[in-house]
Amino acid sequence: MGGGGSVEPGQLVVAGLPHVLAAWDALHHHLSGSSTPLPALGFEDATCPLFVSWHKASRHGGDSRLRGCIGTLEPRPLHTAVRDYALTSALRDRRFAPIEARELLQLKCTVSLLSGFEAAGGWEDWEIGVHGLVIEFVDPVTGGRRTATFLPEVAAHEGWDKQQTLDHLIRKAGHTGSPVTVRASATLKVTRYQSTTFSLTYDEYQRVKEDEQHGAVKLRRQRQMVAVGAQS
């Protein structure tokens, strides 16, 4: 499925299986050193902000840990952006070493498509598990302008309340002083947004690709039988 189209303000773009398959295809293609063309994309080339994140499961069970997460708050055409940010988050997140092929079996990929950006009425005007946050403020220590974002799932996953979430976000932005000062600052601007997400582990990705391959083989055989029947 192809075609263009931008997203109207407030319109929700739903993340789905084809978006995550494209992200996995990009990383697998890169790490395998394949020279074959990447598979066709199975989603429309809508334009919206997005993030791609990778998590690595522990060999001994328990919670997975972040392995890379990079995206953009600026709208981007998804046909190029999903693959670009899949590789950028996997290989060029400065917080982590680049993902290697030996880690694939432990990985899960999540694509988040963002929408519904609106100014919050205050730093508490948002819902945990529903809204992501973008903050901007003038650092009271350095005088520089700082900004940072958390995706909607972060606060709920970490078990933070609203104040804890904002304080962690302030620190993520690079402020080293008291978060209380920033929360009380007239320069603090909070934007809330929503997202849809879709995730696949490497095992799930492999199963989908195997099913696609079997389906393609079956379709080729059916077409061959039809062609033979037409000639007889």
C-alpha atoms as a PDB file:
ATOM      1  CA  MET A   1       0.000   0.000   0.000  1.00  0.00           C
ATOM      2  CA  GLY A   2       1.453   3.380  -0.875  1.00  0.00           C
ATOM      3  CA  GLY A   3       0.474   6.909  -1.538  1.00  0.00           C
ATOM      4  CA  GLY A   4       1.161  10.197   0.122  1.00  0.00           C
ATOM      5  CA  GLY A   5      -0.708  12.280   2.589  1.00  0.00           C
ATOM      6  CA  SER A   6      -0.007  14.536   5.514  1.00  0.00           C
ATOM      7  CA  VAL A   7      -1.716  14.427   8.873  1.00  0.00           C
ATOM      8  CA  GLU A   8      -4.171  17.154   9.753  1.00  0.00           C
ATOM      9  CA  PRO A   9      -3.644  18.846  13.151  1.00  0.00           C
ATOM     10  CA  GLY A  10      -5.096  16.675  15.902  1.00  0.00           C
ATOM     11  CA  GLN A  11      -5.478  13.622  13.623  1.00  0.00           C
ATOM     12  CA  LEU A  12      -4.237  10.375  15.141  1.00  0.00           C
ATOM     13  CA  VAL A  13      -1.884   8.245  13.061  1.00  0.00           C
ATOM     14  CA  VAL A  14      -2.070   4.663  14.269  1.00  0.00           C
ATOM     15  CA  ALA A  15       1.150   2.666  14.573  1.00  0.00           C
ATOM     16  CA  GLY A  16       0.834  -0.904  13.361  1.00  0.00           C
ATOM     17  CA  LEU A  17       2.628  -4.063  12.355  1.00  0.00           C
ATOM     18  CA  PRO A  18       3.906  -2.704   8.991  1.00  0.00           C
ATOM     19  CA  HIS A  19       5.716   0.190  10.739  1.00  0.00           C
ATOM     20  CA  VAL A  20       7.587  -2.126  13.112  1.00  0.00           C
ATOM     21  CA  LEU A  21       8.373  -4.595  10.322  1.00  0.00           C
ATOM     22  CA  ALA A  22       9.982  -1.748   8.395  1.00  0.00           C
ATOM     23  CA  ALA A  23      12.090  -0.828  11.426  1.00  0.00           C
ATOM     24  CA  TRP A  24      13.184  -4.438  11.950  1.00  0.00           C
ATOM     25  CA  ASP A  25      13.886  -4.887   8.232  1.00  0.00           C
ATOM     26  CA  ALA A  26      16.179  -1.866   8.294  1.00  0.00           C
ATOM     27  CA  LEU A  27      18.218  -3.068  11.279  1.00  0.00           C
ATOM     28  CA  HIS A  28      18.375  -6.699  10.150  1.00  0.00           C
ATOM     29  CA  HIS A  29      19.403  -5.642   6.644  1.00  0.00           C
ATOM     30  CA  HIS A  30      22.171  -3.438   8.087  1.00  0.00           C
ATOM     31  CA  LEU A  31      23.556  -5.962  10.571  1.00  0.00           C
ATOM     32  CA  SER A  32      23.494  -8.840   8.064  1.00  0.00           C
ATOM     33  CA  GLY A  33      25.306  -6.785   5.430  1.00  0.00           C
ATOM     34  CA  SER A  34      22.703  -7.802   2.871  1.00  0.00           C
ATOM     35  CA  SER A  35      22.936  -6.331  -0.620  1.00  0.00           C
ATOM     36  CA  THR A  36      19.372  -7.238  -1.563  1.00  0.00           C
ATOM     37  CA  PRO A  37      16.796  -4.416  -1.700  1.00  0.00           C
ATOM     38  CA  LEU A  38      14.702  -3.799   1.383  1.00  0.00           C
ATOM     39  CA  PRO A  39      11.123  -5.139   1.197  1.00  0.00           C
ATOM     40  CA  ALA A  40       8.332  -2.865   0.020  1.00  0.00           C
ATOM     41  CA  LEU A  41       6.687  -0.764   2.703  1.00  0.00           C
ATOM     42  CA  GLY A  42       3.168  -1.750   3.732  1.00  0.00           C
ATOM     43  CA  PHE A  43       1.872   1.576   5.034  1.00  0.00           C
ATOM     44  CA  GLU A  44       0.950   4.987   3.701  1.00  0.00           C
ATOM     45  CA  ASP A  45       3.530   7.739   3.586  1.00  0.00           C
ATOM     46  CA  ALA A  46       1.787   9.928   6.141  1.00  0.00           C
ATOM     47  CA  THR A  47       3.741  12.733   7.771  1.00  0.00           C
ATOM     48  CA  CYS A  48       3.984  12.856  11.550  1.00  0.00           C
ATOM     49  CA  PRO A  49       6.469  12.947  14.455  1.00  0.00           C
ATOM     50  CA  LEU A  50       7.793   9.577  15.611  1.00  0.00           C
ATOM     51  CA  PHE A  51      10.193   7.716  17.874  1.00  0.00           C
ATOM     52  CA  VAL A  52      11.758   4.282  17.454  1.00  0.00           C
ATOM     53  CA  SER A  53      12.993   2.497  20.563  1.00  0.00           C
ATOM     54  CA  TRP A  54      14.836  -0.738  21.224  1.00  0.00           C
ATOM     55  CA  HIS A  55      14.705  -2.717  24.469  1.00  0.00           C
ATOM     56  CA  LYS A  56      16.885  -5.655  25.439  1.00  0.00           C
ATOM     57  CA  ALA A  57      15.544  -8.467  27.584  1.00  0.00           C
ATOM     58  CA  SER A  58      17.682  -9.911  30.356  1.00  0.00           C
ATOM     59  CA  ARG A  59      19.017 -13.414  29.767  1.00  0.00           C
ATOM     60  CA  HIS A  60      17.725 -14.312  33.223  1.00  0.00           C
ATOM     61  CA  GLY A  61      14.234 -12.860  32.855  1.00  0.00           C
ATOM     62  CA  GLY A  62      12.916  -9.746  34.547  1.00  0.00           C
ATOM     63  CA  ASP A  63      12.421  -6.295  33.071  1.00  0.00           C
ATOM     64  CA  SER A  64      14.023  -5.321  29.804  1.00  0.00           C
ATOM     65  CA  ARG A  65      16.313  -2.315  29.595  1.00  0.00           C
ATOM     66  CA  LEU A  66      16.424   0.496  27.085  1.00  0.00           C
ATOM     67  CA  ARG A  67      18.965  -0.089  24.342  1.00  0.00           C
ATOM     68  CA  GLY A  68      18.275   2.955  22.200  1.00  0.00           C
ATOM     69  CA  CYS A  69      15.541   5.516  21.569  1.00  0.00           C
ATOM     70  CA  ILE A  70      15.661   8.399  19.122  1.00  0.00           C
ATOM     71  CA  GLY A  71      13.008  10.227  17.164  1.00  0.00           C
ATOM     72  CA  THR A  72      11.760  13.650  16.205  1.00  0.00           C
ATOM     73  CA  LEU A  73       9.004  15.994  17.330  1.00  0.00           C
ATOM     74  CA  GLU A  74       8.936  17.472  13.834  1.00  0.00           C
ATOM     75  CA  PRO A  75       6.644  15.788  11.271  1.00  0.00           C
ATOM     76  CA  ARG A  76       8.525  13.511   8.880  1.00  0.00           C
ATOM     77  CA  PRO A  77       7.369  11.358   5.922  1.00  0.00           C
ATOM     78  CA  LEU A  78       7.110   7.881   7.413  1.00  0.00           C
ATOM     79  CA  HIS A  79       8.426   5.978   4.395  1.00  0.00           C
ATOM     80  CA  THR A  80      11.906   7.340   5.052  1.00  0.00           C
ATOM     81  CA  ALA A  81      11.640   8.287   8.724  1.00  0.00           C
ATOM     82  CA  VAL A  82      10.770   4.856  10.150  1.00  0.00           C
ATOM     83  CA  ARG A  83      13.828   3.232   8.590  1.00  0.00           C
ATOM     84  CA  ASP A  84      16.100   6.205   9.311  1.00  0.00           C
ATOM     85  CA  TYR A  85      15.194   6.408  12.989  1.00  0.00           C
ATOM     86  CA  ALA A  86      15.270   2.632  13.390  1.00  0.00           C
ATOM     87  CA  LEU A  87      18.962   2.712  12.478  1.00  0.00           C
ATOM     88  CA  THR A  88      19.721   5.964  14.262  1.00  0.00           C
ATOM     89  CA  SER A  89      18.249   4.755  17.548  1.00  0.00           C
ATOM     90  CA  ALA A  90      19.930   1.338  17.256  1.00  0.00           C
ATOM     91  CA  LEU A  91      23.368   2.550  16.225  1.00  0.00           C
ATOM     92  CA  ARG A  92      23.799   6.215  17.141  1.00  0.00           C
ATOM     93  CA  ASP A  93      22.124   6.812  20.503  1.00  0.00           C
ATOM     94  CA  ARG A  94      25.073   8.349  22.382  1.00  0.00           C
ATOM     95  CA  ARG A  95      23.930   6.833  25.670  1.00  0.00           C
ATOM     96  CA  PHE A  96      24.639   3.315  24.438  1.00  0.00           C
ATOM     97  CA  ALA A  97      27.075   1.311  22.350  1.00  0.00           C
ATOM     98  CA  PRO A  98      25.736   0.426  18.886  1.00  0.00           C
ATOM     99  CA  ILE A  99      23.499  -2.654  18.791  1.00  0.00           C
ATOM    100  CA  GLU A 100      25.296  -5.751  17.493  1.00  0.00           C
ATOM    101  CA  ALA A 101      23.983  -8.787  15.639  1.00  0.00           C
ATOM    102  CA  ARG A 102      24.572 -11.078  18.638  1.00  0.00           C
ATOM    103  CA  GLU A 103      21.931  -9.105  20.570  1.00  0.00           C
ATOM    104  CA  LEU A 104      19.087  -9.596  18.106  1.00  0.00           C
ATOM    105  CA  LEU A 105      17.443 -12.526  19.911  1.00  0.00           C
ATOM    106  CA  GLN A 106      16.983 -10.397  23.031  1.00  0.00           C
ATOM    107  CA  LEU A 107      15.606  -7.278  21.343  1.00  0.00           C
ATOM    108  CA  LYS A 108      12.169  -5.733  21.073  1.00  0.00           C
ATOM    109  CA  CYS A 109      11.406  -2.804  18.772  1.00  0.00           C
ATOM    110  CA  THR A 110       8.675  -0.235  19.375  1.00  0.00           C
ATOM    111  CA  VAL A 111       7.506   2.411  16.912  1.00  0.00           C
ATOM    112  CA  SER A 112       5.627   5.366  18.413  1.00  0.00           C
ATOM    113  CA  LEU A 113       3.683   7.729  16.133  1.00  0.00           C
ATOM    114  CA  LEU A 114       2.882  11.044  17.811  1.00  0.00           C
ATOM    115  CA  SER A 115      -0.079  13.397  17.424  1.00  0.00           C
ATOM    116  CA  GLY A 116      -2.448  15.682  19.321  1.00  0.00           C
ATOM    117  CA  PHE A 117       0.128  18.257  20.438  1.00  0.00           C
ATOM    118  CA  GLU A 118      -1.409  20.972  22.620  1.00  0.00           C
ATOM    119  CA  ALA A 119      -0.296  23.428  25.278  1.00  0.00           C
ATOM    120  CA  ALA A 120      -0.961  22.187  28.813  1.00  0.00           C
ATOM    121  CA  GLY A 121      -2.703  24.481  31.253  1.00  0.00           C
ATOM    122  CA  GLY A 122       0.099  23.902  33.759  1.00  0.00           C
ATOM    123  CA  TRP A 123       2.710  21.323  34.626  1.00  0.00           C
ATOM    124  CA  GLU A 124       0.050  19.071  36.159  1.00  0.00           C
ATOM    125  CA  ASP A 125      -2.416  19.348  33.248  1.00  0.00           C
ATOM    126  CA  TRP A 126      -1.863  15.892  31.741  1.00  0.00           C
ATOM    127  CA  GLU A 127      -2.702  12.235  32.405  1.00  0.00           C
ATOM    128  CA  ILE A 128      -0.214   9.479  33.229  1.00  0.00           C
ATOM    129  CA  GLY A 129      -0.286   6.760  30.588  1.00  0.00           C
ATOM    130  CA  VAL A 130      -2.178   8.990  28.161  1.00  0.00           C
ATOM    131  CA  HIS A 131       0.048  11.978  27.449  1.00  0.00           C
ATOM    132  CA  GLY A 132       3.662  12.466  26.569  1.00  0.00           C
ATOM    133  CA  LEU A 133       5.315  15.727  27.583  1.00  0.00           C
ATOM    134  CA  VAL A 134       7.597  18.285  25.997  1.00  0.00           C
ATOM    135  CA  ILE A 135       9.046  20.893  28.343  1.00  0.00           C
ATOM    136  CA  GLU A 136      10.900  24.092  27.522  1.00  0.00           C
ATOM    137  CA  PHE A 137      12.401  26.488  30.050  1.00  0.00           C
ATOM    138  CA  VAL A 138      15.163  28.963  30.677  1.00  0.00           C
ATOM    139  CA  ASP A 139      17.716  27.370  32.996  1.00  0.00           C
ATOM    140  CA  PRO A 140      17.871  29.505  36.165  1.00  0.00           C
ATOM    141  CA  VAL A 141      21.512  28.472  36.665  1.00  0.00           C
ATOM    142  CA  THR A 142      23.007  28.975  33.205  1.00  0.00           C
ATOM    143  CA  GLY A 143      20.430  31.204  31.519  1.00  0.00           C
ATOM    144  CA  GLY A 144      20.338  28.851  28.550  1.00  0.00           C
ATOM    145  CA  ARG A 145      17.175  27.428  27.017  1.00  0.00           C
ATOM    146  CA  ARG A 146      16.542  23.741  27.688  1.00  0.00           C
ATOM    147  CA  THR A 147      14.043  21.220  26.348  1.00  0.00           C
ATOM    148  CA  ALA A 148      13.260  17.504  26.739  1.00  0.00           C
ATOM    149  CA  THR A 149      10.476  15.006  26.153  1.00  0.00           C
ATOM    150  CA  PHE A 150       9.102  11.795  27.629  1.00  0.00           C
ATOM    151  CA  LEU A 151       6.872   9.490  25.595  1.00  0.00           C
ATOM    152  CA  PRO A 152       3.431   8.681  27.084  1.00  0.00           C
ATOM    153  CA  GLU A 153       4.456   5.246  28.355  1.00  0.00           C
ATOM    154  CA  VAL A 154       7.469   6.412  30.376  1.00  0.00           C
ATOM    155  CA  ALA A 155       5.762   7.660  33.562  1.00  0.00           C
ATOM    156  CA  ALA A 156       3.544   4.599  33.902  1.00  0.00           C
ATOM    157  CA  HIS A 157       6.426   2.208  33.223  1.00  0.00           C
ATOM    158  CA  GLU A 158       8.612   3.868  35.844  1.00  0.00           C
ATOM    159  CA  GLY A 159       5.803   4.178  38.395  1.00  0.00           C
ATOM    160  CA  TRP A 160       6.236   7.943  38.721  1.00  0.00           C
ATOM    161  CA  ASP A 161       3.570  10.436  39.757  1.00  0.00           C
ATOM    162  CA  LYS A 162       3.220  13.753  37.917  1.00  0.00           C
ATOM    163  CA  GLN A 163       5.737  15.643  40.042  1.00  0.00           C
ATOM    164  CA  GLN A 164       8.321  12.872  39.833  1.00  0.00           C
ATOM    165  CA  THR A 165       7.849  12.690  36.069  1.00  0.00           C
ATOM    166  CA  LEU A 166       8.386  16.410  35.614  1.00  0.00           C
ATOM    167  CA  ASP A 167      11.403  16.426  37.934  1.00  0.00           C
ATOM    168  CA  HIS A 168      13.032  13.596  35.973  1.00  0.00           C
ATOM    169  CA  LEU A 169      12.225  15.397  32.711  1.00  0.00           C
ATOM    170  CA  ILE A 170      13.812  18.595  34.016  1.00  0.00           C
ATOM    171  CA  ARG A 171      16.963  16.658  34.847  1.00  0.00           C
ATOM    172  CA  LYS A 172      16.860  14.960  31.447  1.00  0.00           C
ATOM    173  CA  ALA A 173      16.856  18.436  29.887  1.00  0.00           C
ATOM    174  CA  GLY A 174      20.193  19.057  31.597  1.00  0.00           C
ATOM    175  CA  HIS A 175      19.262  21.220  34.580  1.00  0.00           C
ATOM    176  CA  THR A 176      21.517  20.426  37.542  1.00  0.00           C
ATOM    177  CA  GLY A 177      19.812  22.599  40.158  1.00  0.00           C
ATOM    178  CA  SER A 178      16.582  22.072  42.049  1.00  0.00           C
ATOM    179  CA  PRO A 179      13.600  21.015  39.915  1.00  0.00           C
ATOM    180  CA  VAL A 180      11.385  22.999  42.295  1.00  0.00           C
ATOM    181  CA  THR A 181      12.809  26.233  40.924  1.00  0.00           C
ATOM    182  CA  VAL A 182      12.010  25.216  37.351  1.00  0.00           C
ATOM    183  CA  ARG A 183       8.493  24.045  38.218  1.00  0.00           C
ATOM    184  CA  ALA A 184       7.793  27.468  39.714  1.00  0.00           C
ATOM    185  CA  SER A 185       9.413  29.351  36.822  1.00  0.00           C
ATOM    186  CA  ALA A 186       7.315  31.549  34.553  1.00  0.00           C
ATOM    187  CA  THR A 187       9.513  30.405  31.647  1.00  0.00           C
ATOM    188  CA  LEU A 188       8.370  26.772  31.912  1.00  0.00           C
ATOM    189  CA  LYS A 189       6.199  25.712  28.978  1.00  0.00           C
ATOM    190  CA  VAL A 190       4.604  22.263  28.936  1.00  0.00           C
ATOM    191  CA  THR A 191       3.184  20.686  25.781  1.00  0.00           C
ATOM    192  CA  ARG A 192       1.284  17.421  26.002  1.00  0.00           C
ATOM    193  CA  TYR A 193       0.724  14.946  23.192  1.00  0.00           C
ATOM    194  CA  GLN A 194      -0.526  11.430  22.523  1.00  0.00           C
ATOM    195  CA  SER A 195       0.858   8.479  20.632  1.00  0.00           C
ATOM    196  CA  THR A 196       0.031   5.044  19.322  1.00  0.00           C
ATOM    197  CA  THR A 197       2.637   2.295  19.579  1.00  0.00           C
ATOM    198  CA  PHE A 198       3.326  -1.132  18.160  1.00  0.00           C
ATOM    199  CA  SER A 199       6.034  -3.544  19.325  1.00  0.00           C
ATOM    200  CA  LEU A 200       7.640  -6.753  18.067  1.00  0.00           C
ATOM    201  CA  THR A 201      10.330  -8.947  19.564  1.00  0.00           C
ATOM    202  CA  TYR A 202      12.889 -10.473  17.242  1.00  0.00           C
ATOM    203  CA  ASP A 203      11.226 -13.879  17.569  1.00  0.00           C
ATOM    204  CA  GLU A 204       7.880 -12.374  16.575  1.00  0.00           C
ATOM    205  CA  TYR A 205       9.512 -10.566  13.673  1.00  0.00           C
ATOM    206  CA  GLN A 206      11.046 -13.794  12.411  1.00  0.00           C
ATOM    207  CA  ARG A 207       7.706 -15.608  12.593  1.00  0.00           C
ATOM    208  CA  VAL A 208       5.984 -12.860  10.592  1.00  0.00           C
ATOM    209  CA  LYS A 209       8.705 -12.961   7.947  1.00  0.00           C
ATOM    210  CA  GLU A 210       8.445 -16.760   7.721  1.00  0.00           C
ATOM    211  CA  ASP A 211       4.675 -16.511   7.289  1.00  0.00           C
ATOM    212  CA  GLU A 212       5.169 -13.899   4.568  1.00  0.00           C
ATOM    213  CA  GLN A 213       7.655 -16.155   2.793  1.00  0.00           C
ATOM    214  CA  HIS A 214       5.329 -19.150   2.947  1.00  0.00           C
ATOM    215  CA  GLY A 215       2.480 -17.007   1.654  1.00  0.00           C
ATOM    216  CA  ALA A 216       4.601 -15.739  -1.235  1.00  0.00           C
ATOM    217  CA  VAL A 217       5.626 -19.294  -2.183  1.00  0.00           C
ATOM    218  CA  LYS A 218       2.009 -20.452  -2.075  1.00  0.00           C
ATOM    219  CA  LEU A 219       0.910 -17.526  -4.244  1.00  0.00           C
ATOM    220  CA  ARG A 220       3.621 -18.249  -6.825  1.00  0.00           C
ATOM    221  CA  ARG A 221       2.536 -21.884  -7.010  1.00  0.00           C
ATOM    222  CA  GLN A 222      -1.107 -20.886  -7.477  1.00  0.00           C
ATOM    223  CA  ARG A 223      -0.168 -18.508 -10.287  1.00  0.00           C
ATOM    224  CA  GLN A 224       1.931 -21.202 -11.953  1.00  0.00           C
ATOM    225  CA  MET A 225      -0.989 -23.636 -11.814  1.00  0.00           C
ATOM    226  CA  VAL A 226      -3.319 -21.016 -13.316  1.00  0.00           C
ATOM    227  CA  ALA A 227      -0.808 -20.308 -16.095  1.00  0.00           C
ATOM    228  CA  VAL A 228      -0.413 -24.012 -16.886  1.00  0.00           C
ATOM    229  CA  GLY A 229      -4.190 -24.462 -16.922  1.00  0.00           C
ATOM    230  CA  ALA A 230      -4.599 -21.549 -19.313  1.00  0.00           C
ATOM    231  CA  GLN A 231      -2.087 -23.051 -21.734  1.00  0.00           C
ATOM    232  CA  SER A 232      -3.662 -26.524 -21.790  1.00  0.00           C
END
